[in-house]
C-alpha atoms as a PDB file:
ATOM      1  CA  UNK A   1     -94.253 139.579-109.559  1.00  0.00           C
ATOM      2  CA  UNK A   2     -93.161 140.397-106.025  1.00  0.00           C
ATOM      3  CA  UNK A   3     -92.336 137.663-103.554  1.00  0.00           C
ATOM      4  CA  UNK A   4     -91.716 137.479 -99.817  1.00  0.00           C
ATOM      5  CA  UNK A   5     -93.966 139.215 -97.318  1.00  0.00           C
ATOM      6  CA  UNK A   6     -95.878 141.340 -99.813  1.00  0.00           C
ATOM      7  CA  UNK A   7     -99.168 139.551 -99.208  1.00  0.00           C
ATOM      8  CA  UNK A   8     -98.993 139.559 -95.440  1.00  0.00           C
ATOM      9  CA  UNK A   9     -97.897 141.678 -92.539  1.00  0.00           C
ATOM     10  CA  UNK A  10     -94.438 141.224 -91.069  1.00  0.00           C
ATOM     11  CA  UNK A  11     -95.943 140.050 -87.778  1.00  0.00           C
ATOM     12  CA  UNK A  12     -99.180 138.561 -86.470  1.00  0.00           C
ATOM     13  CA  UNK A  13    -101.310 141.704 -86.809  1.00  0.00           C
ATOM     14  CA  UNK A  14    -104.674 140.978 -88.387  1.00  0.00           C
ATOM     15  CA  UNK A  15    -105.254 143.061 -91.512  1.00  0.00           C
ATOM     16  CA  UNK A  16    -108.546 144.866 -92.111  1.00  0.00           C
ATOM     17  CA  UNK A  17    -110.241 143.389 -95.224  1.00  0.00           C
ATOM     18  CA  UNK A  18    -109.487 146.413 -97.417  1.00  0.00           C
ATOM     19  CA  UNK A  19    -105.770 146.162 -96.671  1.00  0.00           C
ATOM     20  CA  UNK A  20    -105.773 142.456 -97.479  1.00  0.00           C
ATOM     21  CA  UNK A  21    -106.872 143.476-100.973  1.00  0.00           C
ATOM     22  CA  UNK A  22    -104.195 146.174-101.195  1.00  0.00           C
ATOM     23  CA  UNK A  23    -101.554 143.604-100.175  1.00  0.00           C
ATOM     24  CA  UNK A  24    -102.213 141.611-103.338  1.00  0.00           C
ATOM     25  CA  UNK A  25    -100.968 144.508-105.478  1.00  0.00           C
ATOM     26  CA  UNK A  26     -97.337 143.916-106.463  1.00  0.00           C
ATOM     27  CA  UNK A  27     -94.816 146.730-106.758  1.00  0.00           C
ATOM     28  CA  UNK A  28     -92.564 147.366-109.735  1.00  0.00           C
ATOM     29  CA  UNK A  29     -89.640 148.966-107.877  1.00  0.00           C
ATOM     30  CA  UNK A  30     -89.244 146.578-104.906  1.00  0.00           C
ATOM     31  CA  UNK A  31     -91.254 143.892-103.103  1.00  0.00           C
ATOM     32  CA  UNK A  32     -93.489 145.113-100.315  1.00  0.00           C
ATOM     33  CA  UNK A  33     -91.696 144.524 -97.051  1.00  0.00           C
ATOM     34  CA  UNK A  34     -88.458 143.777 -98.933  1.00  0.00           C
ATOM     35  CA  UNK A  35     -84.915 145.024 -98.176  1.00  0.00           C
ATOM     36  CA  UNK A  36     -84.964 148.637 -96.994  1.00  0.00           C
ATOM     37  CA  UNK A  37     -88.747 148.555 -96.620  1.00  0.00           C
ATOM     38  CA  UNK A  38     -89.088 146.161 -93.686  1.00  0.00           C
ATOM     39  CA  UNK A  39     -88.051 148.468 -90.833  1.00  0.00           C
ATOM     40  CA  UNK A  40     -87.580 147.076 -87.344  1.00  0.00           C
ATOM     41  CA  UNK A  41     -86.928 148.684 -83.963  1.00  0.00           C
ATOM     42  CA  UNK A  42     -86.760 146.621 -80.778  1.00  0.00           C
ATOM     43  CA  UNK A  43     -85.988 148.174 -77.398  1.00  0.00           C
ATOM     44  CA  UNK A  44     -86.072 146.951 -73.810  1.00  0.00           C
ATOM     45  CA  UNK A  45     -85.878 149.304 -70.819  1.00  0.00           C
ATOM     46  CA  UNK A  46     -84.946 148.350 -67.240  1.00  0.00           C
ATOM     47  CA  UNK A  47     -84.448 150.183 -63.955  1.00  0.00           C
ATOM     48  CA  UNK A  48     -82.941 149.221 -60.610  1.00  0.00           C
ATOM     49  CA  UNK A  49     -84.400 150.920 -57.555  1.00  0.00           C
ATOM     50  CA  UNK A  50     -84.389 154.712 -57.829  1.00  0.00           C
ATOM     51  CA  UNK A  51     -81.641 154.748 -60.423  1.00  0.00           C
ATOM     52  CA  UNK A  52     -81.988 155.879 -64.036  1.00  0.00           C
ATOM     53  CA  UNK A  53     -83.827 153.764 -66.575  1.00  0.00           C
ATOM     54  CA  UNK A  54     -81.416 152.089 -68.991  1.00  0.00           C
ATOM     55  CA  UNK A  55     -81.812 150.773 -72.517  1.00  0.00           C
ATOM     56  CA  UNK A  56     -80.536 147.242 -71.965  1.00  0.00           C
ATOM     57  CA  UNK A  57     -81.317 145.806 -75.388  1.00  0.00           C
ATOM     58  CA  UNK A  58     -81.934 147.268 -78.813  1.00  0.00           C
ATOM     59  CA  UNK A  59     -82.031 146.152 -82.406  1.00  0.00           C
ATOM     60  CA  UNK A  60     -82.719 148.218 -85.511  1.00  0.00           C
ATOM     61  CA  UNK A  61     -83.024 147.569 -89.218  1.00  0.00           C
ATOM     62  CA  UNK A  62     -83.196 150.158 -91.993  1.00  0.00           C
ATOM     63  CA  UNK A  63     -84.832 152.633 -92.165  1.00  0.00           C
ATOM     64  CA  UNK A  64     -84.802 152.987 -88.349  1.00  0.00           C
ATOM     65  CA  UNK A  65     -81.735 154.411 -86.620  1.00  0.00           C
ATOM     66  CA  UNK A  66     -80.909 154.976 -82.934  1.00  0.00           C
ATOM     67  CA  UNK A  67     -78.254 157.076 -81.207  1.00  0.00           C
ATOM     68  CA  UNK A  68     -78.857 156.042 -77.605  1.00  0.00           C
ATOM     69  CA  UNK A  69     -81.172 157.485 -74.970  1.00  0.00           C
ATOM     70  CA  UNK A  70     -81.579 160.945 -73.471  1.00  0.00           C
ATOM     71  CA  UNK A  71     -81.878 161.673 -69.753  1.00  0.00           C
ATOM     72  CA  UNK A  72     -83.299 165.178 -70.048  1.00  0.00           C
ATOM     73  CA  UNK A  73     -86.879 164.446 -69.011  1.00  0.00           C
ATOM     74  CA  UNK A  74     -88.217 166.310 -65.951  1.00  0.00           C
ATOM     75  CA  UNK A  75     -89.357 162.972 -64.485  1.00  0.00           C
ATOM     76  CA  UNK A  76     -86.466 161.549 -62.407  1.00  0.00           C
ATOM     77  CA  UNK A  77     -85.164 158.280 -63.800  1.00  0.00           C
ATOM     78  CA  UNK A  78     -87.101 158.469 -67.088  1.00  0.00           C
ATOM     79  CA  UNK A  79     -85.211 157.653 -70.297  1.00  0.00           C
ATOM     80  CA  UNK A  80     -86.182 159.061 -73.699  1.00  0.00           C
ATOM     81  CA  UNK A  81     -85.575 157.166 -76.935  1.00  0.00           C
ATOM     82  CA  UNK A  82     -85.809 159.031 -80.255  1.00  0.00           C
ATOM     83  CA  UNK A  83     -86.484 156.803 -83.263  1.00  0.00           C
ATOM     84  CA  UNK A  84     -84.843 158.312 -86.329  1.00  0.00           C
ATOM     85  CA  UNK A  85     -85.859 157.629 -89.924  1.00  0.00           C
ATOM     86  CA  UNK A  86     -83.336 159.206 -92.301  1.00  0.00           C
ATOM     87  CA  UNK A  87     -85.221 158.063 -95.421  1.00  0.00           C
ATOM     88  CA  UNK A  88     -87.522 161.108 -95.319  1.00  0.00           C
ATOM     89  CA  UNK A  89     -90.887 159.379 -95.225  1.00  0.00           C
ATOM     90  CA  UNK A  90     -93.013 156.271 -95.612  1.00  0.00           C
ATOM     91  CA  UNK A  91     -93.618 154.858 -99.104  1.00  0.00           C
ATOM     92  CA  UNK A  92     -95.889 152.225-100.629  1.00  0.00           C
ATOM     93  CA  UNK A  93     -94.945 148.718 -99.586  1.00  0.00           C
ATOM     94  CA  UNK A  94     -93.179 149.840 -96.408  1.00  0.00           C
ATOM     95  CA  UNK A  95     -93.639 147.673 -93.325  1.00  0.00           C
ATOM     96  CA  UNK A  96     -92.243 149.336 -90.204  1.00  0.00           C
ATOM     97  CA  UNK A  97     -92.467 147.615 -86.827  1.00  0.00           C
ATOM     98  CA  UNK A  98     -91.553 148.640 -83.281  1.00  0.00           C
ATOM     99  CA  UNK A  99     -91.470 146.383 -80.222  1.00  0.00           C
ATOM    100  CA  UNK A 100     -90.974 148.250 -76.944  1.00  0.00           C
ATOM    101  CA  UNK A 101     -90.691 146.505 -73.562  1.00  0.00           C
ATOM    102  CA  UNK A 102     -90.625 148.304 -70.206  1.00  0.00           C
ATOM    103  CA  UNK A 103     -89.508 145.982 -67.436  1.00  0.00           C
ATOM    104  CA  UNK A 104     -90.842 146.281 -63.887  1.00  0.00           C
ATOM    105  CA  UNK A 105     -90.372 149.795 -62.543  1.00  0.00           C
ATOM    106  CA  UNK A 106     -88.882 151.234 -65.744  1.00  0.00           C
ATOM    107  CA  UNK A 107     -89.799 154.766 -66.872  1.00  0.00           C
ATOM    108  CA  UNK A 108     -89.473 155.416 -70.608  1.00  0.00           C
ATOM    109  CA  UNK A 109     -90.677 157.603 -73.434  1.00  0.00           C
ATOM    110  CA  UNK A 110     -90.380 156.700 -77.120  1.00  0.00           C
ATOM    111  CA  UNK A 111     -90.814 159.420 -79.717  1.00  0.00           C
ATOM    112  CA  UNK A 112     -89.712 160.279 -83.256  1.00  0.00           C
ATOM    113  CA  UNK A 113     -87.390 162.949 -84.598  1.00  0.00           C
ATOM    114  CA  UNK A 114     -90.170 164.597 -86.605  1.00  0.00           C
ATOM    115  CA  UNK A 115     -93.591 164.027 -88.129  1.00  0.00           C
ATOM    116  CA  UNK A 116     -94.190 160.800 -90.046  1.00  0.00           C
ATOM    117  CA  UNK A 117     -94.760 161.686 -93.705  1.00  0.00           C
ATOM    118  CA  UNK A 118     -96.759 159.100 -95.658  1.00  0.00           C
ATOM    119  CA  UNK A 119     -96.096 159.683 -99.361  1.00  0.00           C
ATOM    120  CA  UNK A 120     -98.517 159.341-102.265  1.00  0.00           C
ATOM    121  CA  UNK A 121     -99.037 155.807-103.593  1.00  0.00           C
ATOM    122  CA  UNK A 122    -100.197 153.958-106.683  1.00  0.00           C
ATOM    123  CA  UNK A 123    -100.160 150.363-105.351  1.00  0.00           C
ATOM    124  CA  UNK A 124    -100.145 148.332-102.152  1.00  0.00           C
ATOM    125  CA  UNK A 125    -100.024 150.201 -98.791  1.00  0.00           C
ATOM    126  CA  UNK A 126     -97.793 151.203 -95.855  1.00  0.00           C
ATOM    127  CA  UNK A 127     -98.029 149.642 -92.409  1.00  0.00           C
ATOM    128  CA  UNK A 128     -96.692 151.210 -89.196  1.00  0.00           C
ATOM    129  CA  UNK A 129     -96.969 148.830 -86.240  1.00  0.00           C
ATOM    130  CA  UNK A 130     -96.017 149.222 -82.585  1.00  0.00           C
ATOM    131  CA  UNK A 131     -96.198 146.566 -79.869  1.00  0.00           C
ATOM    132  CA  UNK A 132     -95.858 147.894 -76.317  1.00  0.00           C
ATOM    133  CA  UNK A 133     -95.422 145.771 -73.192  1.00  0.00           C
ATOM    134  CA  UNK A 134     -95.390 147.291 -69.720  1.00  0.00           C
ATOM    135  CA  UNK A 135     -94.507 145.179 -66.691  1.00  0.00           C
ATOM    136  CA  UNK A 136     -95.701 145.860 -63.148  1.00  0.00           C
ATOM    137  CA  UNK A 137     -95.054 149.378 -61.907  1.00  0.00           C
ATOM    138  CA  UNK A 138     -93.577 150.639 -65.171  1.00  0.00           C
ATOM    139  CA  UNK A 139     -94.475 153.845 -67.020  1.00  0.00           C
ATOM    140  CA  UNK A 140     -94.183 153.788 -70.820  1.00  0.00           C
ATOM    141  CA  UNK A 141     -95.078 156.596 -73.226  1.00  0.00           C
ATOM    142  CA  UNK A 142     -95.284 156.218 -77.005  1.00  0.00           C
ATOM    143  CA  UNK A 143     -95.672 159.730 -78.401  1.00  0.00           C
ATOM    144  CA  UNK A 144     -94.529 159.902 -82.047  1.00  0.00           C
ATOM    145  CA  UNK A 145     -94.826 163.055 -84.112  1.00  0.00           C
ATOM    146  CA  UNK A 146     -97.982 163.732 -86.145  1.00  0.00           C
ATOM    147  CA  UNK A 147     -98.823 161.516 -89.117  1.00  0.00           C
ATOM    148  CA  UNK A 148     -99.048 163.579 -92.327  1.00  0.00           C
ATOM    149  CA  UNK A 149    -100.912 161.649 -95.032  1.00  0.00           C
ATOM    150  CA  UNK A 150    -100.507 162.709 -98.661  1.00  0.00           C
ATOM    151  CA  UNK A 151    -102.919 162.276-101.550  1.00  0.00           C
ATOM    152  CA  UNK A 152    -103.733 158.732-102.735  1.00  0.00           C
ATOM    153  CA  UNK A 153    -101.882 157.231 -99.752  1.00  0.00           C
ATOM    154  CA  UNK A 154    -102.994 154.069 -97.969  1.00  0.00           C
ATOM    155  CA  UNK A 155    -101.738 153.902 -94.423  1.00  0.00           C
ATOM    156  CA  UNK A 156    -102.417 151.313 -91.737  1.00  0.00           C
ATOM    157  CA  UNK A 157    -101.281 152.134 -88.194  1.00  0.00           C
ATOM    158  CA  UNK A 158    -101.644 149.518 -85.454  1.00  0.00           C
ATOM    159  CA  UNK A 159    -100.682 149.720 -81.792  1.00  0.00           C
ATOM    160  CA  UNK A 160    -101.042 146.783 -79.402  1.00  0.00           C
ATOM    161  CA  UNK A 161    -100.549 147.214 -75.650  1.00  0.00           C
ATOM    162  CA  UNK A 162     -99.928 144.486 -73.067  1.00  0.00           C
ATOM    163  CA  UNK A 163    -100.606 145.848 -69.570  1.00  0.00           C
ATOM    164  CA  UNK A 164     -99.537 144.610 -66.140  1.00  0.00           C
ATOM    165  CA  UNK A 165    -100.779 145.507 -62.648  1.00  0.00           C
ATOM    166  CA  UNK A 166     -99.817 149.040 -61.637  1.00  0.00           C
ATOM    167  CA  UNK A 167     -98.393 149.909 -65.062  1.00  0.00           C
ATOM    168  CA  UNK A 168     -99.121 153.109 -66.983  1.00  0.00           C
ATOM    169  CA  UNK A 169     -98.973 153.346 -70.784  1.00  0.00           C
ATOM    170  CA  UNK A 170     -99.634 156.537 -72.750  1.00  0.00           C
ATOM    171  CA  UNK A 171    -100.139 156.467 -76.535  1.00  0.00           C
ATOM    172  CA  UNK A 172    -100.518 159.612 -78.659  1.00  0.00           C
ATOM    173  CA  UNK A 173    -101.551 160.103 -82.273  1.00  0.00           C
ATOM    174  CA  UNK A 174    -102.323 163.154 -84.431  1.00  0.00           C
ATOM    175  CA  UNK A 175    -103.580 162.793 -88.008  1.00  0.00           C
ATOM    176  CA  UNK A 176    -102.905 165.656 -90.428  1.00  0.00           C
ATOM    177  CA  UNK A 177    -104.928 164.860 -93.568  1.00  0.00           C
ATOM    178  CA  UNK A 178    -103.858 167.608 -95.980  1.00  0.00           C
ATOM    179  CA  UNK A 179    -100.381 166.278 -96.755  1.00  0.00           C
ATOM    180  CA  UNK A 180     -97.388 168.274 -97.920  1.00  0.00           C
ATOM    181  CA  UNK A 181     -98.500 169.243-101.429  1.00  0.00           C
ATOM    182  CA  UNK A 182    -101.141 171.698-102.594  1.00  0.00           C
ATOM    183  CA  UNK A 183    -104.324 169.627-102.531  1.00  0.00           C
ATOM    184  CA  UNK A 184    -107.562 169.344-100.630  1.00  0.00           C
ATOM    185  CA  UNK A 185    -107.598 167.706 -97.188  1.00  0.00           C
ATOM    186  CA  UNK A 186    -108.647 164.055 -97.075  1.00  0.00           C
ATOM    187  CA  UNK A 187    -107.305 163.389-100.571  1.00  0.00           C
ATOM    188  CA  UNK A 188    -105.723 160.141 -99.385  1.00  0.00           C
ATOM    189  CA  UNK A 189    -107.164 156.753-100.335  1.00  0.00           C
ATOM    190  CA  UNK A 190    -107.403 155.057 -96.929  1.00  0.00           C
ATOM    191  CA  UNK A 191    -106.183 155.787 -93.397  1.00  0.00           C
ATOM    192  CA  UNK A 192    -106.816 153.256 -90.653  1.00  0.00           C
ATOM    193  CA  UNK A 193    -105.367 153.649 -87.143  1.00  0.00           C
ATOM    194  CA  UNK A 194    -106.207 150.995 -84.552  1.00  0.00           C
ATOM    195  CA  UNK A 195    -105.210 150.733 -80.887  1.00  0.00           C
ATOM    196  CA  UNK A 196    -105.860 147.575 -78.860  1.00  0.00           C
ATOM    197  CA  UNK A 197    -104.923 146.861 -75.248  1.00  0.00           C
ATOM    198  CA  UNK A 198    -105.195 143.810 -73.029  1.00  0.00           C
ATOM    199  CA  UNK A 199    -105.064 143.536 -69.246  1.00  0.00           C
ATOM    200  CA  UNK A 200    -105.495 140.445 -67.099  1.00  0.00           C
ATOM    201  CA  UNK A 201    -106.472 138.448 -70.185  1.00  0.00           C
ATOM    202  CA  UNK A 202    -109.196 140.930 -71.122  1.00  0.00           C
ATOM    203  CA  UNK A 203    -109.487 143.208 -74.108  1.00  0.00           C
ATOM    204  CA  UNK A 204    -109.874 146.636 -72.481  1.00  0.00           C
ATOM    205  CA  UNK A 205    -109.524 148.794 -75.603  1.00  0.00           C
ATOM    206  CA  UNK A 206    -110.285 148.272 -79.300  1.00  0.00           C
ATOM    207  CA  UNK A 207    -110.480 151.723 -80.865  1.00  0.00           C
ATOM    208  CA  UNK A 208    -110.056 152.715 -84.499  1.00  0.00           C
ATOM    209  CA  UNK A 209    -110.023 155.793 -86.706  1.00  0.00           C
ATOM    210  CA  UNK A 210    -110.983 154.499 -90.167  1.00  0.00           C
ATOM    211  CA  UNK A 211    -111.257 157.077 -92.967  1.00  0.00           C
ATOM    212  CA  UNK A 212    -111.983 156.183 -96.617  1.00  0.00           C
ATOM    213  CA  UNK A 213    -112.921 159.464 -98.323  1.00  0.00           C
ATOM    214  CA  UNK A 214    -114.036 157.808-101.584  1.00  0.00           C
ATOM    215  CA  UNK A 215    -116.558 155.660 -99.722  1.00  0.00           C
ATOM    216  CA  UNK A 216    -117.686 158.019 -96.968  1.00  0.00           C
ATOM    217  CA  UNK A 217    -117.359 161.768 -96.700  1.00  0.00           C
ATOM    218  CA  UNK A 218    -115.022 162.525 -93.751  1.00  0.00           C
ATOM    219  CA  UNK A 219    -116.837 165.826 -93.232  1.00  0.00           C
ATOM    220  CA  UNK A 220    -119.980 163.916 -92.317  1.00  0.00           C
ATOM    221  CA  UNK A 221    -121.141 164.915 -88.811  1.00  0.00           C
ATOM    222  CA  UNK A 222    -120.798 161.278 -87.753  1.00  0.00           C
ATOM    223  CA  UNK A 223    -117.107 161.337 -88.727  1.00  0.00           C
ATOM    224  CA  UNK A 224    -114.911 164.440 -88.211  1.00  0.00           C
ATOM    225  CA  UNK A 225    -117.541 166.963 -89.260  1.00  0.00           C
ATOM    226  CA  UNK A 226    -116.252 170.446 -89.991  1.00  0.00           C
ATOM    227  CA  UNK A 227    -112.814 169.687 -88.579  1.00  0.00           C
ATOM    228  CA  UNK A 228    -109.656 168.634 -90.387  1.00  0.00           C
ATOM    229  CA  UNK A 229    -107.191 167.361 -87.769  1.00  0.00           C
ATOM    230  CA  UNK A 230    -107.782 164.388 -85.463  1.00  0.00           C
ATOM    231  CA  UNK A 231    -105.904 163.808 -82.225  1.00  0.00           C
ATOM    232  CA  UNK A 232    -106.056 160.872 -79.822  1.00  0.00           C
ATOM    233  CA  UNK A 233    -104.467 160.240 -76.438  1.00  0.00           C
ATOM    234  CA  UNK A 234    -104.818 156.829 -74.820  1.00  0.00           C
ATOM    235  CA  UNK A 235    -104.038 156.552 -71.119  1.00  0.00           C
ATOM    236  CA  UNK A 236    -103.892 152.995 -69.763  1.00  0.00           C
ATOM    237  CA  UNK A 237    -103.636 152.917 -65.971  1.00  0.00           C
ATOM    238  CA  UNK A 238    -105.265 149.780 -64.519  1.00  0.00           C
ATOM    239  CA  UNK A 239    -105.451 149.143 -60.807  1.00  0.00           C
ATOM    240  CA  UNK A 240    -103.069 146.594 -59.337  1.00  0.00           C
ATOM    241  CA  UNK A 241    -106.036 144.419 -58.350  1.00  0.00           C
ATOM    242  CA  UNK A 242    -108.328 143.595 -61.331  1.00  0.00           C
ATOM    243  CA  UNK A 243    -112.007 144.451 -60.846  1.00  0.00           C
ATOM    244  CA  UNK A 244    -111.250 146.781 -57.931  1.00  0.00           C
ATOM    245  CA  UNK A 245    -112.338 150.415 -57.927  1.00  0.00           C
ATOM    246  CA  UNK A 246    -109.893 152.920 -59.372  1.00  0.00           C
ATOM    247  CA  UNK A 247    -110.192 156.321 -57.643  1.00  0.00           C
ATOM    248  CA  UNK A 248    -106.892 157.457 -59.153  1.00  0.00           C
ATOM    249  CA  UNK A 249    -108.388 157.034 -62.624  1.00  0.00           C
ATOM    250  CA  UNK A 250    -111.447 159.062 -61.667  1.00  0.00           C
ATOM    251  CA  UNK A 251    -109.193 161.882 -60.483  1.00  0.00           C
ATOM    252  CA  UNK A 252    -107.163 161.699 -63.703  1.00  0.00           C
ATOM    253  CA  UNK A 253    -110.241 161.865 -65.933  1.00  0.00           C
ATOM    254  CA  UNK A 254    -111.661 164.857 -64.058  1.00  0.00           C
ATOM    255  CA  UNK A 255    -108.318 166.660 -64.174  1.00  0.00           C
ATOM    256  CA  UNK A 256    -107.963 166.117 -67.935  1.00  0.00           C
ATOM    257  CA  UNK A 257    -111.549 167.254 -68.573  1.00  0.00           C
ATOM    258  CA  UNK A 258    -110.998 170.415 -66.550  1.00  0.00           C
ATOM    259  CA  UNK A 259    -107.747 171.144 -68.377  1.00  0.00           C
ATOM    260  CA  UNK A 260    -109.289 170.656 -71.825  1.00  0.00           C
ATOM    261  CA  UNK A 261    -112.222 172.873 -70.862  1.00  0.00           C
ATOM    262  CA  UNK A 262    -109.864 175.811 -71.365  1.00  0.00           C
ATOM    263  CA  UNK A 263    -109.081 174.861 -74.979  1.00  0.00           C
ATOM    264  CA  UNK A 264    -111.298 177.053 -77.154  1.00  0.00           C
ATOM    265  CA  UNK A 265    -110.033 175.984 -80.589  1.00  0.00           C
ATOM    266  CA  UNK A 266    -110.716 172.236 -80.378  1.00  0.00           C
ATOM    267  CA  UNK A 267    -113.596 169.899 -79.666  1.00  0.00           C
ATOM    268  CA  UNK A 268    -112.599 167.407 -76.985  1.00  0.00           C
ATOM    269  CA  UNK A 269    -114.053 164.365 -75.291  1.00  0.00           C
ATOM    270  CA  UNK A 270    -112.806 161.998 -72.586  1.00  0.00           C
ATOM    271  CA  UNK A 271    -114.114 158.419 -72.288  1.00  0.00           C
ATOM    272  CA  UNK A 272    -113.501 155.804 -69.613  1.00  0.00           C
ATOM    273  CA  UNK A 273    -112.278 152.371 -70.714  1.00  0.00           C
ATOM    274  CA  UNK A 274    -113.902 149.091 -69.606  1.00  0.00           C
ATOM    275  CA  UNK A 275    -112.815 147.598 -66.270  1.00  0.00           C
ATOM    276  CA  UNK A 276    -111.489 151.034 -65.228  1.00  0.00           C
ATOM    277  CA  UNK A 277    -108.354 150.294 -67.229  1.00  0.00           C
ATOM    278  CA  UNK A 278    -107.848 153.878 -68.424  1.00  0.00           C
ATOM    279  CA  UNK A 279    -109.283 156.566 -70.664  1.00  0.00           C
ATOM    280  CA  UNK A 280    -109.330 157.829 -74.248  1.00  0.00           C
ATOM    281  CA  UNK A 281    -109.080 161.505 -75.138  1.00  0.00           C
ATOM    282  CA  UNK A 282    -110.316 162.451 -78.634  1.00  0.00           C
ATOM    283  CA  UNK A 283    -109.565 165.859 -80.130  1.00  0.00           C
ATOM    284  CA  UNK A 284    -110.837 167.565 -83.283  1.00  0.00           C
ATOM    285  CA  UNK A 285    -109.554 170.866 -84.611  1.00  0.00           C
ATOM    286  CA  UNK A 286    -108.971 172.968 -87.705  1.00  0.00           C
ATOM    287  CA  UNK A 287    -105.216 173.340 -87.258  1.00  0.00           C
ATOM    288  CA  UNK A 288    -102.458 170.941 -86.311  1.00  0.00           C
ATOM    289  CA  UNK A 289    -101.036 173.465 -83.853  1.00  0.00           C
ATOM    290  CA  UNK A 290    -104.321 173.684 -81.931  1.00  0.00           C
ATOM    291  CA  UNK A 291    -104.805 169.906 -81.701  1.00  0.00           C
ATOM    292  CA  UNK A 292    -101.179 169.343 -80.731  1.00  0.00           C
ATOM    293  CA  UNK A 293    -101.418 172.004 -78.015  1.00  0.00           C
ATOM    294  CA  UNK A 294    -104.567 170.386 -76.588  1.00  0.00           C
ATOM    295  CA  UNK A 295    -102.955 166.952 -76.711  1.00  0.00           C
ATOM    296  CA  UNK A 296     -99.944 168.333 -74.831  1.00  0.00           C
ATOM    297  CA  UNK A 297    -102.300 169.712 -72.190  1.00  0.00           C
ATOM    298  CA  UNK A 298    -103.979 166.326 -71.742  1.00  0.00           C
ATOM    299  CA  UNK A 299    -100.625 164.548 -71.656  1.00  0.00           C
ATOM    300  CA  UNK A 300     -99.231 167.063 -69.177  1.00  0.00           C
ATOM    301  CA  UNK A 301    -102.191 166.583 -66.847  1.00  0.00           C
ATOM    302  CA  UNK A 302    -101.809 162.818 -67.144  1.00  0.00           C
ATOM    303  CA  UNK A 303     -98.160 163.152 -66.171  1.00  0.00           C
ATOM    304  CA  UNK A 304     -99.000 165.272 -63.149  1.00  0.00           C
ATOM    305  CA  UNK A 305    -101.506 162.685 -61.978  1.00  0.00           C
ATOM    306  CA  UNK A 306     -99.260 159.654 -62.533  1.00  0.00           C
ATOM    307  CA  UNK A 307     -95.662 160.933 -62.170  1.00  0.00           C
ATOM    308  CA  UNK A 308     -96.285 164.169 -60.238  1.00  0.00           C
ATOM    309  CA  UNK A 309     -94.310 166.118 -62.848  1.00  0.00           C
ATOM    310  CA  UNK A 310     -95.197 167.753 -66.162  1.00  0.00           C
ATOM    311  CA  UNK A 311     -94.168 166.901 -69.699  1.00  0.00           C
ATOM    312  CA  UNK A 312     -90.839 167.861 -71.273  1.00  0.00           C
ATOM    313  CA  UNK A 313     -90.573 171.179 -73.112  1.00  0.00           C
ATOM    314  CA  UNK A 314     -90.342 169.597 -76.550  1.00  0.00           C
ATOM    315  CA  UNK A 315     -90.818 171.316 -79.877  1.00  0.00           C
ATOM    316  CA  UNK A 316     -93.615 168.824 -80.615  1.00  0.00           C
ATOM    317  CA  UNK A 317     -95.464 166.804 -77.970  1.00  0.00           C
END
């Protein structure tokens, strides 16, 4: 029988009930969250004045790997960190955790080298967790590649965001449900992606995409309907004074809506968050390329409203 952290998460994240049940399933090859399966990436960014943002602290454990930051972003002073995972994918029992801190005034983007491939499973589950903290006046983007979920997989993704006055945090996610093998879309067991954000002691976002095909048909009109790819962009941009009006947010929302109005191959919606803390963009499409293109448009418009410069010319987001 497995020991160690197999029956719990590697941090304080609260598990949905279904995943608590999965956690009780032991693995034959290695304990859940054991050596090589308990990935960790910690990074802290800082910036002095108008100088470049620097990575002043980092720590990684297998399977994560870092090779330093890039300074190729069109936004002056913004540093890009690429999280590498040379293992080729996420397997049952994996517990991968990121903790990213942007100190006051820092500008940073964290991405991945490629899509995250969640392999087929027979027991337990995989958990991908990211904790983001943005101090006053910082701009932090967490834009990993798409998540490709294979048949019979169970994947829990959690993102927690701690906001400060005048900070901006952007979180992106694209779910590709047809995996890498020749099978029908939504052949996975369970996919649950949750994003929560707090500002000034208040919960300003608690959003989840929870798909269990065996219990509820994903093609139901109340779920994803006729579509097969789900994209989400979270833009957190609270005012420096809590409870004050946020005209900059209103301008951002209108700009993103106008930009997405030109996307003919996706269904898109933009919602305002409580306390004028930001907005959520939800995208549905038939192809990954269409959803990713629309997400890039929304991200680009967000950049132009907050940094006055567009997004980098990446091969992904």
